[in-house]
C-alpha atoms as a PDB file:
ATOM      1  CA  MET A   1      28.171  15.792   1.094  1.00  0.00           C
ATOM      2  CA  PRO A   2      24.727  15.658   2.707  1.00  0.00           C
ATOM      3  CA  THR A   3      23.756  12.306   4.130  1.00  0.00           C
ATOM      4  CA  VAL A   4      20.582  10.874   5.536  1.00  0.00           C
ATOM      5  CA  ASN A   5      21.589  12.333   8.904  1.00  0.00           C
ATOM      6  CA  ASP A   6      21.137  15.854   7.468  1.00  0.00           C
ATOM      7  CA  LEU A   7      17.484  15.292   6.657  1.00  0.00           C
ATOM      8  CA  THR A   8      14.828  17.152   8.600  1.00  0.00           C
ATOM      9  CA  GLU A   9      11.193  16.101   8.815  1.00  0.00           C
ATOM     10  CA  ARG A  10       8.087  18.069   9.685  1.00  0.00           C
ATOM     11  CA  THR A  11       4.382  18.395   9.027  1.00  0.00           C
ATOM     12  CA  VAL A  12       2.870  21.539   7.498  1.00  0.00           C
ATOM     13  CA  ARG A  13      -0.813  22.445   7.630  1.00  0.00           C
ATOM     14  CA  VAL A  14      -2.085  23.239   4.145  1.00  0.00           C
ATOM     15  CA  GLY A  15      -5.766  24.131   4.083  1.00  0.00           C
ATOM     16  CA  ARG A  16      -7.752  21.151   5.365  1.00  0.00           C
ATOM     17  CA  ARG A  17      -4.810  18.748   5.245  1.00  0.00           C
ATOM     18  CA  ASP A  18      -1.486  18.048   6.922  1.00  0.00           C
ATOM     19  CA  ILE A  19       1.404  17.534   4.507  1.00  0.00           C
ATOM     20  CA  PHE A  20       4.414  15.628   5.810  1.00  0.00           C
ATOM     21  CA  LEU A  21       7.724  16.549   4.196  1.00  0.00           C
ATOM     22  CA  THR A  22      11.421  15.773   4.254  1.00  0.00           C
ATOM     23  CA  GLU A  23      14.008  18.494   3.596  1.00  0.00           C
ATOM     24  CA  ALA A  24      17.740  18.593   2.939  1.00  0.00           C
ATOM     25  CA  GLY A  25      20.312  21.030   1.586  1.00  0.00           C
ATOM     26  CA  SER A  26      20.173  24.732   0.809  1.00  0.00           C
ATOM     27  CA  GLY A  27      19.957  26.925  -2.259  1.00  0.00           C
ATOM     28  CA  PRO A  28      17.254  27.262  -4.909  1.00  0.00           C
ATOM     29  CA  PRO A  29      14.205  25.215  -3.866  1.00  0.00           C
ATOM     30  CA  VAL A  30      13.452  21.954  -5.688  1.00  0.00           C
ATOM     31  CA  VAL A  31      10.251  20.045  -4.854  1.00  0.00           C
ATOM     32  CA  LEU A  32      10.279  16.300  -5.593  1.00  0.00           C
ATOM     33  CA  LEU A  33       6.800  14.839  -6.178  1.00  0.00           C
ATOM     34  CA  HIS A  34       6.457  11.061  -5.978  1.00  0.00           C
ATOM     35  CA  GLY A  35       4.370   8.634  -8.010  1.00  0.00           C
ATOM     36  CA  GLY A  36       1.015   7.135  -7.124  1.00  0.00           C
ATOM     37  CA  GLY A  37       1.877   3.465  -6.688  1.00  0.00           C
ATOM     38  CA  ALA A  38       0.572   1.642  -3.642  1.00  0.00           C
ATOM     39  CA  GLY A  39       2.591   2.422  -0.537  1.00  0.00           C
ATOM     40  CA  ALA A  40       4.569   5.230  -2.152  1.00  0.00           C
ATOM     41  CA  THR A  41       6.146   8.003  -0.089  1.00  0.00           C
ATOM     42  CA  GLY A  42       8.326  10.934  -1.019  1.00  0.00           C
ATOM     43  CA  ALA A  43      11.470   9.834   0.791  1.00  0.00           C
ATOM     44  CA  SER A  44      11.288   6.213  -0.410  1.00  0.00           C
ATOM     45  CA  ASN A  45      10.634   7.153  -4.048  1.00  0.00           C
ATOM     46  CA  TYR A  46      13.553   9.585  -4.096  1.00  0.00           C
ATOM     47  CA  GLY A  47      15.855   7.721  -1.721  1.00  0.00           C
ATOM     48  CA  ARG A  48      18.619   7.572  -4.353  1.00  0.00           C
ATOM     49  CA  ASN A  49      18.358  11.248  -5.324  1.00  0.00           C
ATOM     50  CA  ILE A  50      17.891  13.439  -2.267  1.00  0.00           C
ATOM     51  CA  ASP A  51      21.504  13.488  -1.100  1.00  0.00           C
ATOM     52  CA  ALA A  52      22.923  14.175  -4.561  1.00  0.00           C
ATOM     53  CA  LEU A  53      20.523  17.047  -5.269  1.00  0.00           C
ATOM     54  CA  ALA A  54      20.904  18.481  -1.755  1.00  0.00           C
ATOM     55  CA  GLU A  55      24.535  19.266  -2.565  1.00  0.00           C
ATOM     56  CA  HIS A  56      23.231  22.066  -4.800  1.00  0.00           C
ATOM     57  CA  PHE A  57      19.624  22.803  -3.857  1.00  0.00           C
ATOM     58  CA  ARG A  58      17.127  23.063  -1.030  1.00  0.00           C
ATOM     59  CA  VAL A  59      15.341  19.765  -1.612  1.00  0.00           C
ATOM     60  CA  ILE A  60      11.741  19.466  -0.393  1.00  0.00           C
ATOM     61  CA  VAL A  61      10.095  16.037  -0.589  1.00  0.00           C
ATOM     62  CA  PRO A  62       6.446  15.872   0.502  1.00  0.00           C
ATOM     63  CA  ASP A  63       4.244  12.857   0.949  1.00  0.00           C
ATOM     64  CA  MET A  64       1.389  13.627  -1.429  1.00  0.00           C
ATOM     65  CA  PRO A  65      -2.136  13.799   0.026  1.00  0.00           C
ATOM     66  CA  GLY A  66      -3.366  10.247   0.518  1.00  0.00           C
ATOM     67  CA  TYR A  67       0.137   8.823   1.019  1.00  0.00           C
ATOM     68  CA  GLY A  68       2.707   8.278   3.728  1.00  0.00           C
ATOM     69  CA  ARG A  69       2.256  10.484   6.764  1.00  0.00           C
ATOM     70  CA  SER A  70       0.101  13.107   5.022  1.00  0.00           C
ATOM     71  CA  THR A  71      -3.667  13.398   5.405  1.00  0.00           C
ATOM     72  CA  LYS A  72      -5.495  10.565   3.643  1.00  0.00           C
ATOM     73  CA  GLU A  73      -7.819  12.735   1.588  1.00  0.00           C
ATOM     74  CA  ILE A  74      -7.981  13.462  -2.152  1.00  0.00           C
ATOM     75  CA  ASP A  75     -10.645  14.836  -4.498  1.00  0.00           C
ATOM     76  CA  HIS A  76     -11.303  11.839  -6.756  1.00  0.00           C
ATOM     77  CA  GLU A  77     -13.321  13.900  -9.240  1.00  0.00           C
ATOM     78  CA  ASP A  78     -10.274  16.042 -10.084  1.00  0.00           C
ATOM     79  CA  PRO A  79      -7.232  14.374  -8.490  1.00  0.00           C
ATOM     80  CA  PHE A  80      -4.510  16.172 -10.445  1.00  0.00           C
ATOM     81  CA  GLY A  81      -6.136  19.538  -9.803  1.00  0.00           C
ATOM     82  CA  ASP A  82      -6.415  18.745  -6.114  1.00  0.00           C
ATOM     83  CA  LEU A  83      -2.773  17.665  -5.922  1.00  0.00           C
ATOM     84  CA  ALA A  84      -1.668  20.826  -7.732  1.00  0.00           C
ATOM     85  CA  SER A  85      -3.641  22.886  -5.233  1.00  0.00           C
ATOM     86  CA  ALA A  86      -1.981  21.054  -2.325  1.00  0.00           C
ATOM     87  CA  VAL A  87       1.523  21.645  -3.705  1.00  0.00           C
ATOM     88  CA  ARG A  88       0.743  25.305  -4.403  1.00  0.00           C
ATOM     89  CA  GLY A  89      -0.551  25.684  -0.852  1.00  0.00           C
ATOM     90  CA  LEU A  90       2.573  23.999   0.512  1.00  0.00           C
ATOM     91  CA  LEU A  91       4.817  26.440  -1.353  1.00  0.00           C
ATOM     92  CA  ASP A  92       2.808  29.336   0.082  1.00  0.00           C
ATOM     93  CA  GLU A  93       3.099  27.966   3.619  1.00  0.00           C
ATOM     94  CA  LEU A  94       6.873  27.596   3.155  1.00  0.00           C
ATOM     95  CA  ASP A  95       7.088  31.201   1.850  1.00  0.00           C
ATOM     96  CA  ILE A  96       8.476  29.992  -1.483  1.00  0.00           C
ATOM     97  CA  ASP A  97       7.428  32.274  -4.322  1.00  0.00           C
ATOM     98  CA  ARG A  98       8.919  30.146  -7.089  1.00  0.00           C
ATOM     99  CA  SER A  99      10.370  26.637  -7.219  1.00  0.00           C
ATOM    100  CA  HIS A 100      11.701  23.972  -9.539  1.00  0.00           C
ATOM    101  CA  LEU A 101       9.338  20.985  -9.676  1.00  0.00           C
ATOM    102  CA  VAL A 102      10.402  17.385 -10.281  1.00  0.00           C
ATOM    103  CA  GLY A 103       7.603  14.847 -10.706  1.00  0.00           C
ATOM    104  CA  ASN A 104       7.425  11.124 -11.403  1.00  0.00           C
ATOM    105  CA  SER A 105       4.185   9.641 -12.795  1.00  0.00           C
ATOM    106  CA  TYR A 106       1.351  10.862 -10.524  1.00  0.00           C
ATOM    107  CA  GLY A 107       3.672  13.555  -9.184  1.00  0.00           C
ATOM    108  CA  GLY A 108       4.581  14.545 -12.738  1.00  0.00           C
ATOM    109  CA  ALA A 109       0.915  15.121 -13.509  1.00  0.00           C
ATOM    110  CA  ALA A 110       0.578  17.248 -10.367  1.00  0.00           C
ATOM    111  CA  ALA A 111       3.631  19.317 -11.334  1.00  0.00           C
ATOM    112  CA  LEU A 112       2.368  19.795 -14.867  1.00  0.00           C
ATOM    113  CA  ARG A 113      -1.113  20.780 -13.719  1.00  0.00           C
ATOM    114  CA  LEU A 114       0.400  23.321 -11.308  1.00  0.00           C
ATOM    115  CA  ALA A 115       2.494  24.805 -14.120  1.00  0.00           C
ATOM    116  CA  MET A 116      -0.601  25.006 -16.339  1.00  0.00           C
ATOM    117  CA  GLU A 117      -2.572  26.836 -13.644  1.00  0.00           C
ATOM    118  CA  THR A 118       0.036  28.987 -11.873  1.00  0.00           C
ATOM    119  CA  GLN A 119       3.018  29.591 -14.127  1.00  0.00           C
ATOM    120  CA  ASP A 120       4.583  32.199 -11.873  1.00  0.00           C
ATOM    121  CA  LYS A 121       5.099  29.582  -9.130  1.00  0.00           C
ATOM    122  CA  VAL A 122       7.183  27.285 -11.355  1.00  0.00           C
ATOM    123  CA  ASP A 123      10.784  27.843 -12.419  1.00  0.00           C
ATOM    124  CA  ARG A 124      11.853  24.678 -14.283  1.00  0.00           C
ATOM    125  CA  LEU A 125      10.148  21.301 -14.658  1.00  0.00           C
ATOM    126  CA  ILE A 126      11.548  17.777 -14.767  1.00  0.00           C
ATOM    127  CA  LEU A 127       8.939  15.138 -15.606  1.00  0.00           C
ATOM    128  CA  MET A 128       9.586  11.387 -15.469  1.00  0.00           C
ATOM    129  CA  GLY A 129       6.918   9.282 -17.166  1.00  0.00           C
ATOM    130  CA  PRO A 130       4.217  11.766 -16.083  1.00  0.00           C
ATOM    131  CA  GLY A 131       0.612  10.664 -15.751  1.00  0.00           C
ATOM    132  CA  GLY A 132      -2.147  12.309 -17.726  1.00  0.00           C
ATOM    133  CA  ILE A 133      -0.385  12.228 -21.084  1.00  0.00           C
ATOM    134  CA  GLY A 134      -2.449  10.496 -23.748  1.00  0.00           C
ATOM    135  CA  THR A 135      -4.427   8.474 -21.224  1.00  0.00           C
ATOM    136  CA  THR A 136      -7.665   8.657 -23.240  1.00  0.00           C
ATOM    137  CA  ARG A 137      -5.966   7.883 -26.560  1.00  0.00           C
ATOM    138  CA  GLY A 138      -6.026   4.092 -26.249  1.00  0.00           C
ATOM    139  CA  LEU A 139      -6.553   1.286 -23.783  1.00  0.00           C
ATOM    140  CA  PRO A 140      -4.665   1.481 -20.466  1.00  0.00           C
ATOM    141  CA  THR A 141      -1.350  -0.358 -20.294  1.00  0.00           C
ATOM    142  CA  LYS A 142      -1.090  -3.582 -18.317  1.00  0.00           C
ATOM    143  CA  GLY A 143       1.030  -1.731 -15.780  1.00  0.00           C
ATOM    144  CA  LEU A 144      -1.558   0.989 -15.280  1.00  0.00           C
ATOM    145  CA  ASN A 145      -4.274  -1.639 -14.933  1.00  0.00           C
ATOM    146  CA  ALA A 146      -2.216  -3.410 -12.255  1.00  0.00           C
ATOM    147  CA  LEU A 147      -1.815  -0.107 -10.433  1.00  0.00           C
ATOM    148  CA  LEU A 148      -5.512   0.788 -10.578  1.00  0.00           C
ATOM    149  CA  ASP A 149      -6.643  -2.745  -9.622  1.00  0.00           C
ATOM    150  CA  TYR A 150      -4.496  -3.001  -6.497  1.00  0.00           C
ATOM    151  CA  TYR A 151      -7.309  -2.228  -4.063  1.00  0.00           C
ATOM    152  CA  GLY A 152      -9.985  -4.027  -6.096  1.00  0.00           C
ATOM    153  CA  GLY A 153     -11.078  -7.667  -6.050  1.00  0.00           C
ATOM    154  CA  GLU A 154      -9.715  -9.409  -2.968  1.00  0.00           C
ATOM    155  CA  GLY A 155      -8.043  -6.169  -1.884  1.00  0.00           C
ATOM    156  CA  PRO A 156      -4.350  -5.368  -1.425  1.00  0.00           C
ATOM    157  CA  THR A 157      -1.917  -8.278  -1.186  1.00  0.00           C
ATOM    158  CA  ARG A 158       1.839  -8.581  -1.071  1.00  0.00           C
ATOM    159  CA  GLU A 159       1.717 -10.683  -4.252  1.00  0.00           C
ATOM    160  CA  LYS A 160      -0.144  -7.971  -6.160  1.00  0.00           C
ATOM    161  CA  LEU A 161       2.354  -5.344  -5.100  1.00  0.00           C
ATOM    162  CA  THR A 162       5.336  -7.562  -5.912  1.00  0.00           C
ATOM    163  CA  THR A 163       3.951  -8.182  -9.402  1.00  0.00           C
ATOM    164  CA  PHE A 164       3.352  -4.482 -10.002  1.00  0.00           C
ATOM    165  CA  ILE A 165       6.809  -3.407  -8.839  1.00  0.00           C
ATOM    166  CA  ARG A 166       8.898  -6.202 -10.360  1.00  0.00           C
ATOM    167  CA  ASP A 167       6.941  -6.749 -13.591  1.00  0.00           C
ATOM    168  CA  TYR A 168       5.795  -3.239 -14.432  1.00  0.00           C
ATOM    169  CA  LEU A 169       7.443  -0.497 -12.379  1.00  0.00           C
ATOM    170  CA  VAL A 170      11.056  -1.298 -13.277  1.00  0.00           C
ATOM    171  CA  PHE A 171      12.973  -2.825 -16.169  1.00  0.00           C
ATOM    172  CA  ASP A 172      14.917  -5.293 -14.004  1.00  0.00           C
ATOM    173  CA  GLY A 173      12.618  -6.608 -11.302  1.00  0.00           C
ATOM    174  CA  ALA A 174      15.401  -8.601  -9.642  1.00  0.00           C
ATOM    175  CA  ALA A 175      17.097  -5.324  -8.719  1.00  0.00           C
ATOM    176  CA  VAL A 176      14.306  -4.357  -6.310  1.00  0.00           C
ATOM    177  CA  PRO A 177      15.065  -5.606  -2.778  1.00  0.00           C
ATOM    178  CA  ASP A 178      12.445  -7.487  -0.798  1.00  0.00           C
ATOM    179  CA  GLU A 179      12.772  -4.909   1.967  1.00  0.00           C
ATOM    180  CA  LEU A 180      11.553  -2.109  -0.278  1.00  0.00           C
ATOM    181  CA  ILE A 181       8.511  -4.120  -1.346  1.00  0.00           C
ATOM    182  CA  GLU A 182       7.697  -4.967   2.263  1.00  0.00           C
ATOM    183  CA  LEU A 183       8.013  -1.303   3.288  1.00  0.00           C
ATOM    184  CA  ARG A 184       5.592  -0.269   0.567  1.00  0.00           C
ATOM    185  CA  TYR A 185       3.214  -3.119   1.298  1.00  0.00           C
ATOM    186  CA  GLN A 186       2.905  -2.169   4.962  1.00  0.00           C
ATOM    187  CA  ALA A 187       2.260   1.458   3.975  1.00  0.00           C
ATOM    188  CA  SER A 188      -0.383   0.354   1.466  1.00  0.00           C
ATOM    189  CA  ILE A 189      -2.485  -1.516   4.023  1.00  0.00           C
ATOM    190  CA  GLN A 190      -2.945   1.298   6.511  1.00  0.00           C
ATOM    191  CA  PRO A 191      -6.675   1.213   7.397  1.00  0.00           C
ATOM    192  CA  GLU A 192      -7.202   4.832   6.289  1.00  0.00           C
ATOM    193  CA  VAL A 193      -5.664   4.068   2.901  1.00  0.00           C
ATOM    194  CA  VAL A 194      -7.624   0.858   2.341  1.00  0.00           C
ATOM    195  CA  ALA A 195     -10.841   2.686   3.221  1.00  0.00           C
ATOM    196  CA  ASN A 196     -10.085   5.507   0.783  1.00  0.00           C
ATOM    197  CA  PRO A 197      -7.422   4.540  -1.802  1.00  0.00           C
ATOM    198  CA  PRO A 198      -5.731   7.648  -3.203  1.00  0.00           C
ATOM    199  CA  LEU A 199      -5.535   6.322  -6.773  1.00  0.00           C
ATOM    200  CA  ARG A 200      -8.388   4.311  -8.271  1.00  0.00           C
ATOM    201  CA  ARG A 201     -10.491   3.978 -11.378  1.00  0.00           C
ATOM    202  CA  PRO A 202     -12.985   6.820 -11.870  1.00  0.00           C
ATOM    203  CA  SER A 203     -16.523   5.614 -11.253  1.00  0.00           C
ATOM    204  CA  GLY A 204     -20.033   6.950 -10.912  1.00  0.00           C
ATOM    205  CA  PRO A 205     -21.837   9.612 -12.929  1.00  0.00           C
ATOM    206  CA  SER A 206     -18.787  11.901 -13.065  1.00  0.00           C
ATOM    207  CA  ALA A 207     -16.363   9.192 -14.268  1.00  0.00           C
ATOM    208  CA  LEU A 208     -16.164  10.387 -17.881  1.00  0.00           C
ATOM    209  CA  ARG A 209     -15.589  13.996 -16.846  1.00  0.00           C
ATOM    210  CA  THR A 210     -12.871  12.854 -14.438  1.00  0.00           C
ATOM    211  CA  LEU A 211     -11.109  10.844 -17.168  1.00  0.00           C
ATOM    212  CA  TRP A 212     -11.023  13.870 -19.452  1.00  0.00           C
ATOM    213  CA  ARG A 213      -9.757  16.114 -16.642  1.00  0.00           C
ATOM    214  CA  MET A 214      -6.967  13.610 -16.013  1.00  0.00           C
ATOM    215  CA  ASP A 215      -5.759  13.629 -19.645  1.00  0.00           C
ATOM    216  CA  LEU A 216      -3.622  16.744 -19.493  1.00  0.00           C
ATOM    217  CA  SER A 217      -2.518  16.312 -23.104  1.00  0.00           C
ATOM    218  CA  ARG A 218      -6.026  17.383 -24.197  1.00  0.00           C
ATOM    219  CA  ASP A 219      -5.917  20.603 -22.143  1.00  0.00           C
ATOM    220  CA  ARG A 220      -5.073  23.591 -24.352  1.00  0.00           C
ATOM    221  CA  ARG A 221      -3.184  25.181 -21.456  1.00  0.00           C
ATOM    222  CA  LEU A 222      -0.413  22.608 -21.933  1.00  0.00           C
ATOM    223  CA  ALA A 223       0.808  24.498 -24.995  1.00  0.00           C
ATOM    224  CA  GLU A 224       0.994  27.703 -22.936  1.00  0.00           C
ATOM    225  CA  VAL A 225       3.418  26.427 -20.275  1.00  0.00           C
ATOM    226  CA  GLN A 226       6.538  28.561 -20.654  1.00  0.00           C
ATOM    227  CA  ALA A 227       8.692  26.822 -18.035  1.00  0.00           C
ATOM    228  CA  LYS A 228      11.789  25.151 -19.429  1.00  0.00           C
ATOM    229  CA  THR A 229      11.030  21.449 -19.196  1.00  0.00           C
ATOM    230  CA  LEU A 230      13.099  18.271 -19.259  1.00  0.00           C
ATOM    231  CA  VAL A 231      11.199  15.032 -19.848  1.00  0.00           C
ATOM    232  CA  ILE A 232      13.096  11.880 -18.835  1.00  0.00           C
ATOM    233  CA  TRP A 233      11.215   8.756 -19.858  1.00  0.00           C
ATOM    234  CA  GLY A 234      12.213   5.118 -19.589  1.00  0.00           C
ATOM    235  CA  ARG A 235      12.203   3.540 -23.032  1.00  0.00           C
ATOM    236  CA  ASP A 236      10.725   0.371 -21.516  1.00  0.00           C
ATOM    237  CA  ASP A 237       8.075   2.037 -19.350  1.00  0.00           C
ATOM    238  CA  ARG A 238       5.159  -0.411 -18.961  1.00  0.00           C
ATOM    239  CA  VAL A 239       2.927   1.955 -16.983  1.00  0.00           C
ATOM    240  CA  ASN A 240       2.824   5.187 -19.005  1.00  0.00           C
ATOM    241  CA  ARG A 241       3.659   4.912 -22.697  1.00  0.00           C
ATOM    242  CA  PRO A 242       7.019   6.449 -23.716  1.00  0.00           C
ATOM    243  CA  SER A 243       5.309   7.978 -26.776  1.00  0.00           C
ATOM    244  CA  GLY A 244       4.077  10.588 -24.310  1.00  0.00           C
ATOM    245  CA  ALA A 245       7.555  12.115 -24.346  1.00  0.00           C
ATOM    246  CA  GLN A 246       7.274  13.120 -27.991  1.00  0.00           C
ATOM    247  CA  LEU A 247       3.721  14.361 -27.435  1.00  0.00           C
ATOM    248  CA  LEU A 248       5.033  16.732 -24.776  1.00  0.00           C
ATOM    249  CA  ALA A 249       7.954  17.820 -26.956  1.00  0.00           C
ATOM    250  CA  ARG A 250       5.574  18.658 -29.805  1.00  0.00           C
ATOM    251  CA  THR A 251       3.146  20.537 -27.569  1.00  0.00           C
ATOM    252  CA  MET A 252       5.171  22.430 -24.978  1.00  0.00           C
ATOM    253  CA  PRO A 253       7.135  25.497 -26.140  1.00  0.00           C
ATOM    254  CA  SER A 254      10.414  24.658 -24.359  1.00  0.00           C
ATOM    255  CA  CYS A 255      10.613  20.917 -23.789  1.00  0.00           C
ATOM    256  CA  ASP A 256      13.660  18.669 -24.118  1.00  0.00           C
ATOM    257  CA  VAL A 257      13.418  14.869 -24.032  1.00  0.00           C
ATOM    258  CA  TYR A 258      15.816  12.196 -22.783  1.00  0.00           C
ATOM    259  CA  LEU A 259      14.807   8.579 -23.455  1.00  0.00           C
ATOM    260  CA  ALA A 260      16.644   6.198 -21.126  1.00  0.00           C
ATOM    261  CA  ALA A 261      17.431   2.706 -22.469  1.00  0.00           C
ATOM    262  CA  ASN A 262      16.788  -0.440 -20.392  1.00  0.00           C
ATOM    263  CA  THR A 263      14.680   1.619 -17.999  1.00  0.00           C
ATOM    264  CA  GLY A 264      11.080   1.334 -16.867  1.00  0.00           C
ATOM    265  CA  HIS A 265       8.714   3.702 -15.114  1.00  0.00           C
ATOM    266  CA  TRP A 266      10.905   4.453 -12.083  1.00  0.00           C
ATOM    267  CA  VAL A 267      13.743   6.180 -13.898  1.00  0.00           C
ATOM    268  CA  GLN A 268      15.032   8.205 -10.916  1.00  0.00           C
ATOM    269  CA  TRP A 269      15.536   4.950  -8.983  1.00  0.00           C
ATOM    270  CA  GLU A 270      16.738   2.637 -11.771  1.00  0.00           C
ATOM    271  CA  GLN A 271      19.119   5.150 -13.336  1.00  0.00           C
ATOM    272  CA  ALA A 272      19.894   7.232 -10.263  1.00  0.00           C
ATOM    273  CA  ALA A 273      23.386   8.403 -11.255  1.00  0.00           C
ATOM    274  CA  LEU A 274      22.211   9.414 -14.728  1.00  0.00           C
ATOM    275  CA  PHE A 275      19.103  11.103 -13.387  1.00  0.00           C
ATOM    276  CA  ASN A 276      20.984  12.999 -10.676  1.00  0.00           C
ATOM    277  CA  GLU A 277      23.490  14.370 -13.180  1.00  0.00           C
ATOM    278  CA  LEU A 278      20.830  15.352 -15.714  1.00  0.00           C
ATOM    279  CA  ALA A 279      18.725  17.001 -13.014  1.00  0.00           C
ATOM    280  CA  ARG A 280      21.647  18.903 -11.492  1.00  0.00           C
ATOM    281  CA  ALA A 281      22.803  20.234 -14.857  1.00  0.00           C
ATOM    282  CA  PHE A 282      19.323  21.179 -16.060  1.00  0.00           C
ATOM    283  CA  LEU A 283      18.206  22.870 -12.857  1.00  0.00           C
ATOM    284  CA  SER A 284      21.502  24.770 -12.606  1.00  0.00           C
END
């Protein structure tokens, strides 16, 4: 069984940016795209999944642009489109013609946007509480507000991050160790990140256009995505509304849904054994 000692790390130049990634295993390629919470990184978001999936697949886990050890640059006028372009460029640099994509939240939106734009690059999709689904069809959730407000006001604080993670990101906040929060907090206060937060409220004259670009459920290309898709959504998600799962099932031609009880927004972490088994079976 692969362990953390089997991981390799490297940085790949993709266009104007450097993308840091972690790899493990061999077989069909599976790219794991992390969420957009403050201090997120690929390896920390999927720390409970990489080894299990690497028993069957070549697992590739990038730090998304703006996060971790990747270049701190993102197009805020079309963030999901920019992320999709970065992932597509990464696949090209790795000489991967076609890959499974697994995306949580922000990463789910990037995976979905890539599938909408370049279907021949995507084999199967697993989406966990993806962003951009119904985001203009009501007021933001309290969890999403907490996420978007992290760098506002008095700026990033450990208390803000603790509240977001324990009150909104997961169902059982007591299950999240202090060490994980501290790791994410330190990553979130890197000077480059504070100066240019990767995820923030759209503002300025293009704000309305950006909001509409970020609501993928209003894009007619969503109904044209042919990739077999598994949506795994926490029933108690306080960041992105679980009703988005049924919206995707109604819209996408080949979309199955699994609603996980007693689970919040971070389903691959909270329900790791369940997620790993579902992912292995679906991608196989």
